[in-house]
Amino acid sequence: VQLVDSGGGLVQPGGSLRLSCAASGFAFSSYAMSWYRQAPGKERELVASISSGGGITEYADSVKGRFTISRDNAKNTVYLQMNSLKPEDTAEYYCKTARGSLYYWGQGTQVTVSS
C-alpha cells in the first residue's frame, strides 16, 4: 500500500488549494479514504472522509462549507479542495486509509496560510 500526498503550499488567507493523494497497491475503489491534519504542538485531527463509492462524505465542523473531499476511482486518487483558507488551517495534511486493523498514511503535504 502506498499513498502519496501532494498539492500543499503557501497561500494567503481567503485563498484556495487542492490536495491530492495518489494511491497504489490495493483495491482503491473498495476502501473509504480520509484526510487528517496536524498543526505544530497539536494532535492529529480528522478533516474529512469519503466512502468507497464517494457517495458519503463527512467533515470536521471547522472546515464544513469550505473544504470538499472527492475521489476519482479510475485514477486511484482522493482530493481535498480547500477554499476560504484561514491561518488556523495551517498544518501538515495526510491522507489515510484502513484495511481491517491496519492503517496506512501518506507522507504528508504542508499547507501554510499566511499573508
Protein backbone atom coordinates (compact mmCIF):
# COMPACT_ATOMS: atom_id res chain seq x y z
CA VAL A 1 0.00 0.00 0.00
CA GLN A 2 1.36 3.41 -0.96
CA LEU A 3 -0.24 6.82 -0.50
CA VAL A 4 1.47 9.89 -1.96
CA ASP A 5 0.23 13.30 -0.83
CA SER A 6 0.78 16.43 -2.88
CA GLY A 7 -0.57 19.91 -3.56
CA GLY A 8 0.35 21.80 -0.43
CA GLY A 9 1.99 25.19 -0.38
CA LEU A 10 1.88 28.74 0.88
CA VAL A 11 -1.37 30.62 0.31
CA GLN A 12 -2.83 33.88 1.55
CA PRO A 13 -5.89 33.93 3.81
CA GLY A 14 -9.00 33.52 1.71
CA GLY A 15 -7.14 31.57 -0.93
CA SER A 16 -7.60 28.02 -2.21
CA LEU A 17 -5.56 24.87 -2.61
CA ARG A 18 -6.35 21.38 -3.87
CA LEU A 19 -4.57 18.47 -2.25
CA SER A 20 -4.21 15.11 -3.97
CA CYS A 21 -3.46 11.65 -2.63
CA ALA A 22 -2.41 9.07 -5.20
CA ALA A 23 -2.96 5.50 -4.03
CA SER A 24 -1.47 2.23 -5.19
CA GLY A 25 -1.04 -1.33 -4.04
CA PHE A 26 -4.61 -2.04 -3.03
CA ALA A 27 -8.16 -2.05 -4.41
CA PHE A 28 -8.66 1.69 -4.00
CA SER A 29 -12.31 1.72 -5.04
CA SER A 30 -13.20 -0.67 -2.22
CA TYR A 31 -11.99 1.48 0.66
CA ALA A 32 -13.01 4.66 2.39
CA MET A 33 -10.41 7.42 2.46
CA SER A 34 -9.76 10.26 4.85
CA TRP A 35 -7.76 13.45 5.17
CA TYR A 36 -6.19 14.37 8.51
CA ARG A 37 -4.09 17.33 9.56
CA GLN A 38 -1.63 18.08 12.30
CA ALA A 39 -0.56 21.53 13.36
CA PRO A 40 2.63 22.08 15.40
CA GLY A 41 2.07 21.15 19.02
CA LYS A 42 -1.40 19.77 18.36
CA GLU A 43 -2.95 16.34 17.97
CA ARG A 44 -3.60 14.96 14.51
CA GLU A 45 -7.26 15.55 13.67
CA LEU A 46 -9.73 14.22 11.14
CA VAL A 47 -10.61 16.78 8.48
CA ALA A 48 -12.81 14.86 6.06
CA SER A 49 -13.69 11.35 4.97
CA ILE A 50 -15.31 9.78 1.94
CA SER A 51 -16.88 6.38 1.39
CA SER A 52 -15.54 3.89 -1.13
CA GLY A 53 -18.02 4.91 -3.79
CA GLY A 54 -17.85 8.59 -2.97
CA GLY A 55 -21.50 8.95 -2.05
CA ILE A 56 -20.98 9.61 1.66
CA THR A 57 -18.77 12.38 2.97
CA GLU A 58 -18.14 13.77 6.43
CA TYR A 59 -16.34 16.87 7.62
CA ALA A 60 -14.95 18.36 10.77
CA ASP A 61 -17.07 21.29 11.92
CA SER A 62 -14.12 23.62 11.47
CA VAL A 63 -14.00 23.02 7.70
CA LYS A 64 -17.66 22.48 6.78
CA GLY A 65 -18.70 24.68 3.90
CA ARG A 66 -15.08 25.46 2.96
CA PHE A 67 -13.48 22.09 2.17
CA THR A 68 -14.70 19.39 -0.21
CA ILE A 69 -13.40 15.83 -0.32
CA SER A 70 -13.80 13.86 -3.53
CA ARG A 71 -12.32 10.85 -5.25
CA ASP A 72 -11.68 9.52 -8.73
CA ASN A 73 -11.66 5.74 -8.53
CA ALA A 74 -10.48 5.48 -12.13
CA LYS A 75 -7.35 7.41 -11.17
CA ASN A 76 -6.94 5.91 -7.67
CA THR A 77 -6.83 9.43 -6.27
CA VAL A 78 -8.59 11.28 -3.48
CA TYR A 79 -8.73 15.07 -3.38
CA LEU A 80 -9.29 17.78 -0.82
CA GLN A 81 -10.42 21.10 -2.26
CA MET A 82 -9.80 23.80 0.31
CA ASN A 83 -11.40 27.22 -0.15
CA SER A 84 -11.56 30.31 2.05
CA LEU A 85 -8.43 29.21 3.82
CA LYS A 86 -7.67 30.63 7.25
CA PRO A 87 -4.39 30.88 9.17
CA GLU A 88 -5.71 28.22 11.55
CA ASP A 89 -5.81 25.76 8.63
CA THR A 90 -2.01 25.79 8.62
CA ALA A 91 -0.87 22.20 9.19
CA GLU A 92 0.65 19.12 7.64
CA TYR A 93 -2.11 17.28 5.78
CA TYR A 94 -2.16 13.49 5.44
CA CYS A 95 -4.42 11.07 3.63
CA LYS A 96 -5.24 7.80 5.30
CA THR A 97 -6.92 4.51 4.62
CA ALA A 98 -7.57 1.44 6.71
CA ARG A 99 -7.63 -2.25 5.92
CA GLY A 100 -9.06 -4.03 8.90
CA SER A 101 -6.90 -3.11 11.88
CA LEU A 102 -4.07 -1.72 9.74
CA TYR A 103 -3.79 1.98 8.97
CA TYR A 104 -1.86 3.48 6.08
CA TRP A 105 -0.79 7.11 5.83
CA GLY A 106 0.57 9.35 3.14
CA GLN A 107 3.83 11.16 3.78
CA GLY A 108 2.04 14.47 4.29
CA THR A 109 1.95 17.78 2.48
CA GLN A 110 2.42 21.12 4.22
CA VAL A 111 -0.23 23.81 3.96
CA THR A 112 0.68 27.26 5.24
CA VAL A 113 -1.90 30.05 5.26
CA SER A 114 -0.26 33.39 5.85
CA SER A 115 -0.15 36.91 4.47
